């Protein structure tokens, strides 16, 4: 009896684990959409059939069709959504009916959009290229007889408009007026972060995003942007914490494991970085940035064979980078495969001939093979480019 109970418990546990596993197809579709590979994203979104996540796949499919200008299929997918998600995507549905010149449904869905929390500011709507023809109709004029925007909405729209026109000082002044009476206005903090980025004021970007997250803690976009701003100023530990919080809010957030790997790499948390980048590369094996990062993570962990395999994937891809050859060369050097390292550094120099570090590393490989003249020639080139480490090697190895 106890054995039967154990088997039942084990089966229930295994089913729970399987149900909690993330969908490869959804992760793949979201990641491909994020890098604008819409055809590929569409293929993988179409494969999602898990009931609890299929709604996200439908949204991806609809937006892929929209970006690919297959507007009939886009509309068909958007209309499959539940009422909640139709509201969230109501601007797309409005645009699609406007393209069909179905003014009655354009009117209906624009009104739904204006009643929703997702409504765009009036300036954006009134200049939307998809709505230009509709804006010449009587229905359009009737829509604007209704006051859709509160005083706060209008003030936020003014800040956005001033920022769009690059009147940043005026935009900040207008946002100050809002915060004097509405201290928890997260949309304004987010807009201020945008303005401060344009002004290259990174400390105020961080401060603004911190407040945006404080007053809208469930907003994954804010949480992710806050992590990015912390990363920029070198607060890697806090950035990791905020990125991990984003992941808990939405473990399907685009490229989240890539950024977790990047942040942990900067913090010298190489084992954590390895876990994250391997998860990401299962989904996006040909992402050039991820190839570079994975290779250097393996290199820091002294896993040189793995590093060489990854850099070779990059070398064989269409995305040719000198850094792939450099990383492979450094890994070969550490494995004492000096001739192969020289070949790799030489290929790197074909792509990046003004990089003194590559000459320096090729020189180190040459000296190990007793090719002193080749080594000295490379170190002289590196030294002329201001790479002072080469001077030490010259003084020890290249004196007459």
Protein backbone atom coordinates (compact mmCIF):
# COMPACT_ATOMS: atom_id res chain seq x y z
CA UNK A 1 0.00 0.00 0.00
CA UNK A 2 2.79 2.41 0.92
CA UNK A 3 4.49 1.61 -2.40
CA UNK A 4 1.29 2.45 -4.30
CA UNK A 5 0.93 5.74 -2.40
CA UNK A 6 4.52 6.61 -3.21
CA UNK A 7 3.98 5.97 -6.93
CA UNK A 8 0.83 8.11 -6.93
CA UNK A 9 2.64 10.96 -5.17
CA UNK A 10 5.55 10.65 -7.61
CA UNK A 11 3.20 10.81 -10.60
CA UNK A 12 1.43 13.86 -9.20
CA UNK A 13 4.77 15.56 -8.54
CA UNK A 14 6.05 14.83 -12.03
CA UNK A 15 2.88 16.26 -13.58
CA UNK A 16 3.27 19.42 -11.47
CA UNK A 17 6.88 19.82 -12.59
CA UNK A 18 5.92 19.35 -16.24
CA UNK A 19 3.08 21.88 -15.97
CA UNK A 20 5.48 24.41 -14.47
CA UNK A 21 8.05 24.00 -17.23
CA UNK A 22 8.28 26.97 -19.52
CA UNK A 23 7.11 26.46 -23.07
CA UNK A 24 10.03 26.33 -25.50
CA UNK A 25 7.78 27.41 -28.37
CA UNK A 26 6.46 30.45 -26.54
CA UNK A 27 9.91 31.48 -25.32
CA UNK A 28 11.25 31.08 -28.84
CA UNK A 29 8.41 33.10 -30.41
CA UNK A 30 8.76 35.94 -27.88
CA UNK A 31 12.55 36.07 -28.29
CA UNK A 32 12.37 36.02 -32.09
CA UNK A 33 9.68 38.71 -32.07
CA UNK A 34 11.87 40.84 -29.79
CA UNK A 35 14.66 40.79 -32.39
CA UNK A 36 12.14 41.40 -35.22
CA UNK A 37 12.37 37.95 -36.79
CA UNK A 38 8.63 37.93 -37.37
CA UNK A 39 8.41 34.94 -39.73
CA UNK A 40 10.25 32.71 -37.28
CA UNK A 41 8.29 34.06 -34.31
CA UNK A 42 5.08 33.25 -36.15
CA UNK A 43 6.13 29.64 -36.77
CA UNK A 44 6.85 28.99 -33.09
CA UNK A 45 3.82 30.88 -31.79
CA UNK A 46 1.66 28.66 -33.99
CA UNK A 47 3.03 25.59 -32.18
CA UNK A 48 1.93 26.73 -28.70
CA UNK A 49 -1.02 24.68 -27.49
CA UNK A 50 -0.80 24.82 -23.69
CA UNK A 51 -4.10 26.25 -22.53
CA UNK A 52 -2.70 28.56 -19.85
CA UNK A 53 -0.30 30.36 -22.22
CA UNK A 54 -1.94 30.10 -25.64
CA UNK A 55 -3.36 33.62 -25.23
CA UNK A 56 0.17 35.05 -25.33
CA UNK A 57 0.93 33.06 -28.46
CA UNK A 58 -2.19 34.45 -30.15
CA UNK A 59 -1.02 37.98 -29.38
CA UNK A 60 2.43 37.22 -30.81
CA UNK A 61 0.85 35.75 -33.96
CA UNK A 62 -1.43 38.76 -34.37
CA UNK A 63 1.44 41.23 -33.99
CA UNK A 64 3.66 39.22 -36.34
CA UNK A 65 0.98 39.29 -39.02
CA UNK A 66 0.59 43.02 -38.42
CA UNK A 67 4.33 43.67 -38.81
CA UNK A 68 4.38 41.47 -41.92
CA UNK A 69 1.48 43.53 -43.34
CA UNK A 70 -0.81 40.51 -43.51
CA UNK A 71 -3.60 42.61 -42.08
CA UNK A 72 -6.55 40.24 -42.59
CA UNK A 73 -4.84 37.47 -40.64
CA UNK A 74 -3.71 39.96 -38.00
CA UNK A 75 -7.30 41.09 -37.43
CA UNK A 76 -8.52 37.50 -37.32
CA UNK A 77 -6.00 36.66 -34.58
CA UNK A 78 -6.70 39.79 -32.52
CA UNK A 79 -10.43 39.03 -32.56
CA UNK A 80 -9.75 35.58 -31.07
CA UNK A 81 -8.57 37.22 -27.85
CA UNK A 82 -10.71 37.51 -24.74
CA UNK A 83 -12.34 40.88 -23.99
CA UNK A 84 -9.54 41.80 -21.59
CA UNK A 85 -6.82 41.25 -24.17
CA UNK A 86 -8.88 42.81 -26.95
CA UNK A 87 -8.93 46.01 -24.88
CA UNK A 88 -5.17 45.80 -24.40
CA UNK A 89 -4.74 45.47 -28.18
CA UNK A 90 -7.62 47.73 -29.15
CA UNK A 91 -5.41 50.23 -30.96
CA UNK A 92 -4.26 47.48 -33.34
CA UNK A 93 -7.86 46.42 -33.98
CA UNK A 94 -8.82 50.04 -34.59
CA UNK A 95 -6.02 50.48 -37.12
CA UNK A 96 -6.89 47.26 -38.91
CA UNK A 97 -10.54 48.22 -39.35
CA UNK A 98 -9.40 51.66 -40.53
CA UNK A 99 -7.25 50.00 -43.20
CA UNK A 100 -10.35 48.10 -44.37
CA UNK A 101 -12.30 51.42 -44.38
CA UNK A 102 -14.84 49.77 -42.10
CA UNK A 103 -15.66 53.06 -40.40
CA UNK A 104 -18.37 51.66 -38.11
CA UNK A 105 -15.98 49.16 -36.52
CA UNK A 106 -13.14 51.70 -36.54
CA UNK A 107 -15.40 54.02 -34.55
CA UNK A 108 -16.43 51.20 -32.19
CA UNK A 109 -12.87 50.07 -31.45
CA UNK A 110 -11.41 53.55 -31.13
CA UNK A 111 -14.04 54.25 -28.49
CA UNK A 112 -13.14 51.01 -26.71
CA UNK A 113 -9.50 52.08 -26.85
CA UNK A 114 -10.28 55.53 -25.44
CA UNK A 115 -12.20 53.99 -22.53
CA UNK A 116 -9.31 51.65 -21.68
CA UNK A 117 -6.29 52.16 -19.45
CA UNK A 118 -4.11 51.54 -22.51
CA UNK A 119 -5.23 54.60 -24.46
CA UNK A 120 -2.56 56.57 -26.29
CA UNK A 121 -2.36 60.29 -25.73
CA UNK A 122 -4.50 62.45 -28.05
CA UNK A 123 -1.53 63.87 -29.95
CA UNK A 124 -0.35 60.38 -30.91
CA UNK A 125 -3.82 59.25 -31.96
CA UNK A 126 -4.52 62.34 -34.02
CA UNK A 127 -1.31 61.86 -36.00
CA UNK A 128 -1.52 58.06 -36.34
CA UNK A 129 -0.86 57.22 -40.00
CA UNK A 130 -3.38 54.37 -39.96
CA UNK A 131 -6.16 56.73 -38.89
CA UNK A 132 -5.50 59.58 -41.32
CA UNK A 133 -8.35 58.71 -43.69
CA UNK A 134 -10.75 57.99 -40.85
CA UNK A 135 -9.91 61.42 -39.40
CA UNK A 136 -11.67 63.03 -42.37
CA UNK A 137 -15.03 61.40 -41.51
CA UNK A 138 -17.93 62.73 -39.44
CA UNK A 139 -17.57 59.79 -37.04
CA UNK A 140 -14.09 61.01 -36.13
CA UNK A 141 -15.42 64.47 -35.28
CA UNK A 142 -18.20 62.96 -33.16
CA UNK A 143 -15.68 60.89 -31.18
CA UNK A 144 -13.88 64.02 -30.02
CA UNK A 145 -17.09 65.62 -28.73
CA UNK A 146 -16.61 63.36 -25.73
CA UNK A 147 -14.00 64.32 -23.15
CA UNK A 148 -11.94 61.12 -22.97
CA UNK A 149 -9.00 62.52 -21.04
CA UNK A 150 -8.79 63.74 -17.45
CA UNK A 151 -6.82 66.87 -16.52
CA UNK A 152 -3.96 64.58 -15.46
CA UNK A 153 -4.04 62.74 -18.79
CA UNK A 154 -3.80 66.07 -20.62
CA UNK A 155 -0.86 67.18 -18.48
CA UNK A 156 0.97 63.89 -19.05
CA UNK A 157 0.34 64.23 -22.79
CA UNK A 158 1.83 67.73 -22.68
CA UNK A 159 5.01 66.40 -21.04
CA UNK A 160 5.26 63.66 -23.68
CA UNK A 161 4.74 66.19 -26.46
CA UNK A 162 7.42 68.54 -25.12
CA UNK A 163 9.84 65.64 -24.77
CA UNK A 164 9.05 64.53 -28.33
CA UNK A 165 9.88 68.06 -29.51
CA UNK A 166 13.16 67.88 -27.53
CA UNK A 167 12.09 70.73 -25.26
CA UNK A 168 13.50 68.82 -22.32
CA UNK A 169 13.74 71.66 -19.79
CA UNK A 170 10.12 72.63 -20.45
CA UNK A 171 9.09 68.98 -20.20
CA UNK A 172 10.81 68.61 -16.82
CA UNK A 173 9.17 71.81 -15.55
CA UNK A 174 5.76 70.54 -16.64
CA UNK A 175 6.41 67.19 -14.98
CA UNK A 176 7.41 68.95 -11.75
CA UNK A 177 4.02 70.63 -11.68
CA UNK A 178 2.31 67.24 -11.94
CA UNK A 179 4.42 65.67 -9.19
CA UNK A 180 3.69 68.59 -6.85
CA UNK A 181 0.08 67.39 -6.65
CA UNK A 182 0.38 63.75 -7.79
CA UNK A 183 3.54 62.36 -6.21
CA UNK A 184 2.71 58.76 -7.17
CA UNK A 185 2.32 59.43 -10.92
CA UNK A 186 4.44 56.55 -12.22
CA UNK A 187 3.89 57.50 -15.87
CA UNK A 188 5.62 60.83 -15.24
CA UNK A 189 8.59 59.18 -13.54
CA UNK A 190 8.93 56.88 -16.55
CA UNK A 191 8.77 59.86 -18.92
CA UNK A 192 11.34 61.74 -16.82
CA UNK A 193 13.67 58.74 -17.12
CA UNK A 194 13.32 58.98 -20.90
CA UNK A 195 14.15 62.71 -20.79
CA UNK A 196 17.17 62.23 -18.54
CA UNK A 197 18.48 59.53 -20.90
CA UNK A 198 18.36 62.06 -23.70
CA UNK A 199 20.21 64.51 -21.44
CA UNK A 200 22.74 61.77 -20.51
CA UNK A 201 21.99 62.32 -16.81
CA UNK A 202 22.29 58.69 -15.69
CA UNK A 203 21.84 59.34 -11.96
CA UNK A 204 18.46 60.95 -12.54
CA UNK A 205 17.50 58.15 -14.92
CA UNK A 206 18.04 55.71 -12.06
CA UNK A 207 16.19 57.91 -9.56
CA UNK A 208 13.22 58.32 -11.92
CA UNK A 209 13.00 54.60 -12.69
CA UNK A 210 13.28 53.77 -9.00
CA UNK A 211 10.16 55.86 -8.38
CA UNK A 212 8.34 54.46 -11.39
CA UNK A 213 8.86 50.96 -9.96
CA UNK A 214 7.94 52.12 -6.47
CA UNK A 215 4.50 53.31 -7.59
CA UNK A 216 3.91 50.59 -10.23
CA UNK A 217 5.68 47.52 -8.78
CA UNK A 218 3.91 45.01 -11.05
CA UNK A 219 4.93 46.75 -14.28
CA UNK A 220 7.56 44.49 -15.88
CA UNK A 221 8.63 47.15 -18.40
CA UNK A 222 9.47 49.53 -15.55
CA UNK A 223 11.23 46.84 -13.53
CA UNK A 224 13.32 45.79 -16.53
CA UNK A 225 14.24 49.38 -17.43
CA UNK A 226 15.19 50.06 -13.82
CA UNK A 227 17.54 47.04 -13.90
CA UNK A 228 19.06 48.34 -17.14
CA UNK A 229 19.66 51.78 -15.66
CA UNK A 230 21.32 50.26 -12.57
CA UNK A 231 23.54 48.18 -14.85
CA UNK A 232 24.66 51.29 -16.74
CA UNK A 233 25.97 52.95 -13.58
CA UNK A 234 27.75 49.79 -12.46
CA UNK A 235 25.39 48.74 -9.66
CA UNK A 236 25.44 45.17 -10.88
CA UNK A 237 24.24 43.50 -7.68
CA UNK A 238 21.15 45.68 -7.48
CA UNK A 239 20.61 45.28 -11.21
CA UNK A 240 20.60 41.48 -10.79
CA UNK A 241 18.09 41.75 -7.95
CA UNK A 242 15.75 43.91 -10.02
CA UNK A 243 16.13 41.72 -13.09
CA UNK A 244 15.37 38.65 -10.97
CA UNK A 245 12.23 40.42 -9.77
CA UNK A 246 11.25 41.05 -13.39
CA UNK A 247 11.71 37.35 -14.06
CA UNK A 248 9.43 36.46 -11.15
CA UNK A 249 6.78 38.83 -12.48
CA UNK A 250 7.05 37.37 -15.98
CA UNK A 251 9.40 34.47 -16.72
CA UNK A 252 8.58 34.88 -20.41
CA UNK A 253 9.96 38.43 -20.50
CA UNK A 254 11.99 38.85 -23.73
CA UNK A 255 15.68 37.78 -23.52
CA UNK A 256 15.56 37.82 -19.71
CA UNK A 257 18.13 35.02 -19.30
CA UNK A 258 20.55 36.76 -21.65
CA UNK A 259 20.54 39.84 -19.44
CA UNK A 260 20.77 37.79 -16.25
CA UNK A 261 23.86 36.16 -17.74
CA UNK A 262 25.33 39.52 -18.73
CA UNK A 263 24.74 41.07 -15.31
CA UNK A 264 26.15 38.07 -13.43
CA UNK A 265 29.17 38.04 -15.76
CA UNK A 266 29.93 41.66 -14.82
CA UNK A 267 29.60 40.71 -11.15
CA UNK A 268 32.03 37.78 -11.68
CA UNK A 269 29.25 35.34 -10.80
CA UNK A 270 30.37 33.03 -13.58
CA UNK A 271 28.47 29.91 -12.53
CA UNK A 272 25.19 31.84 -12.36
CA UNK A 273 26.02 33.52 -15.65
CA UNK A 274 26.66 30.09 -17.20
CA UNK A 275 23.27 28.75 -16.05
CA UNK A 276 21.45 31.74 -17.49
CA UNK A 277 23.27 31.87 -20.83
CA UNK A 278 22.82 28.14 -21.40
CA UNK A 279 19.08 28.53 -20.82
CA UNK A 280 18.98 31.41 -23.27
CA UNK A 281 21.05 29.71 -25.94
CA UNK A 282 18.72 26.71 -25.94
CA UNK A 283 16.14 29.17 -27.24
CA UNK A 284 18.39 31.46 -29.32
CA UNK A 285 21.54 29.50 -30.27
CA UNK A 286 22.58 31.89 -33.05
CA UNK A 287 22.27 35.18 -31.17
CA UNK A 288 25.65 36.86 -31.79
CA UNK A 289 25.78 38.73 -28.48
CA UNK A 290 24.91 35.55 -26.59
CA UNK A 291 27.59 33.59 -28.47
CA UNK A 292 30.22 36.13 -27.45
CA UNK A 293 29.02 36.18 -23.84
CA UNK A 294 28.80 32.38 -23.54
CA UNK A 295 32.30 31.99 -24.94
CA UNK A 296 33.82 34.41 -22.46
CA UNK A 297 31.86 32.91 -19.55
CA UNK A 298 33.32 29.49 -20.40
CA UNK A 299 36.76 31.06 -20.74
CA UNK A 300 36.53 32.62 -17.26
CA UNK A 301 35.56 29.20 -15.90
CA UNK A 302 38.59 27.65 -17.67
CA UNK A 303 36.23 25.59 -19.82
CA UNK A 304 38.30 26.30 -22.91
CA UNK A 305 36.97 23.46 -25.05
CA UNK A 306 33.41 24.69 -24.52
CA UNK A 307 34.53 28.24 -25.29
CA UNK A 308 36.12 27.10 -28.57
CA UNK A 309 32.93 25.26 -29.58
CA UNK A 310 30.81 28.35 -28.95
CA UNK A 311 33.17 30.76 -30.72
CA UNK A 312 33.29 28.35 -33.67
CA UNK A 313 29.49 28.59 -33.93
CA UNK A 314 29.90 32.36 -34.17
CA UNK A 315 32.66 32.09 -36.76
CA UNK A 316 30.49 29.82 -38.91
CA UNK A 317 27.51 32.19 -38.71
CA UNK A 318 26.75 35.07 -41.05
CA UNK A 319 27.49 37.48 -38.19
CA UNK A 320 31.28 37.69 -38.59
CA UNK A 321 33.02 39.35 -35.65
CA UNK A 322 36.69 39.70 -34.84
CA UNK A 323 35.84 39.01 -31.19
CA UNK A 324 34.87 35.41 -32.03
CA UNK A 325 38.34 34.77 -33.43
CA UNK A 326 39.96 36.57 -30.50
CA UNK A 327 38.03 34.51 -27.95
CA UNK A 328 38.82 31.30 -29.80
CA UNK A 329 42.49 32.31 -30.06
CA UNK A 330 42.72 33.08 -26.35
CA UNK A 331 41.12 29.73 -25.50
CA UNK A 332 43.53 27.88 -27.81
CA UNK A 333 46.44 29.77 -26.23
CA UNK A 334 45.32 28.64 -22.78
CA UNK A 335 45.23 25.06 -24.07
CA UNK A 336 48.80 25.59 -25.34
CA UNK A 337 47.69 25.13 -28.95
CA UNK A 338 49.83 28.02 -30.07
CA UNK A 339 49.88 27.46 -33.84
CA UNK A 340 46.07 27.26 -33.95
CA UNK A 341 45.89 30.34 -31.72
CA UNK A 342 48.09 32.29 -34.15
CA UNK A 343 45.80 31.31 -37.03
CA UNK A 344 42.78 32.52 -35.10
CA UNK A 345 44.41 35.83 -34.15
CA UNK A 346 45.45 36.35 -37.78
CA UNK A 347 41.84 35.91 -38.89
CA UNK A 348 40.79 38.40 -36.20
CA UNK A 349 43.26 40.95 -37.55
CA UNK A 350 41.75 40.61 -41.03
CA UNK A 351 38.52 41.91 -39.52
CA UNK A 352 40.01 44.34 -36.99
CA UNK A 353 43.54 45.37 -38.06
CA UNK A 354 43.76 48.32 -35.64
CA UNK A 355 43.27 46.29 -32.46
CA UNK A 356 46.56 46.26 -30.50
CA UNK A 357 45.42 43.52 -28.11
CA UNK A 358 45.23 41.04 -30.99
CA UNK A 359 48.83 41.81 -32.03
CA UNK A 360 49.87 41.44 -28.39
CA UNK A 361 48.19 38.03 -28.04
CA UNK A 362 49.55 36.78 -31.36
CA UNK A 363 52.99 37.83 -30.15
CA UNK A 364 52.56 35.80 -26.96
CA UNK A 365 51.63 32.75 -29.05
CA UNK A 366 54.62 33.24 -31.37
CA UNK A 367 57.13 33.53 -28.52
CA UNK A 368 55.91 30.18 -27.15
CA UNK A 369 56.92 28.65 -30.49
CA UNK A 370 60.32 30.40 -30.39
CA UNK A 371 59.29 32.66 -33.26
CA UNK A 372 60.92 35.67 -31.65
CA UNK A 373 61.05 37.90 -34.74
CA UNK A 374 57.32 37.40 -35.39
CA UNK A 375 56.52 38.06 -31.73
CA UNK A 376 58.63 41.23 -31.58
CA UNK A 377 57.10 42.53 -34.81
CA UNK A 378 53.61 42.14 -33.37
CA UNK A 379 54.53 43.72 -30.03
CA UNK A 380 56.12 46.68 -31.82
CA UNK A 381 52.85 47.24 -33.68
CA UNK A 382 50.87 46.98 -30.45
CA UNK A 383 53.23 49.41 -28.73
CA UNK A 384 52.86 51.99 -31.52
CA UNK A 385 49.11 51.81 -30.97
CA UNK A 386 49.58 52.69 -27.30
CA UNK A 387 49.27 49.19 -25.85
CA UNK A 388 51.80 49.59 -23.05
CA UNK A 389 51.78 45.95 -21.90
CA UNK A 390 53.63 45.21 -25.15
CA UNK A 391 56.54 47.41 -24.00
CA UNK A 392 57.28 45.01 -21.14
CA UNK A 393 57.45 42.07 -23.53
CA UNK A 394 59.70 44.04 -25.88
CA UNK A 395 62.12 44.97 -23.08
CA UNK A 396 62.42 41.32 -21.98
CA UNK A 397 62.44 39.55 -25.35
CA UNK A 398 63.38 41.93 -28.11
CA UNK A 399 66.56 43.68 -27.05
CA UNK A 400 69.63 43.19 -29.26
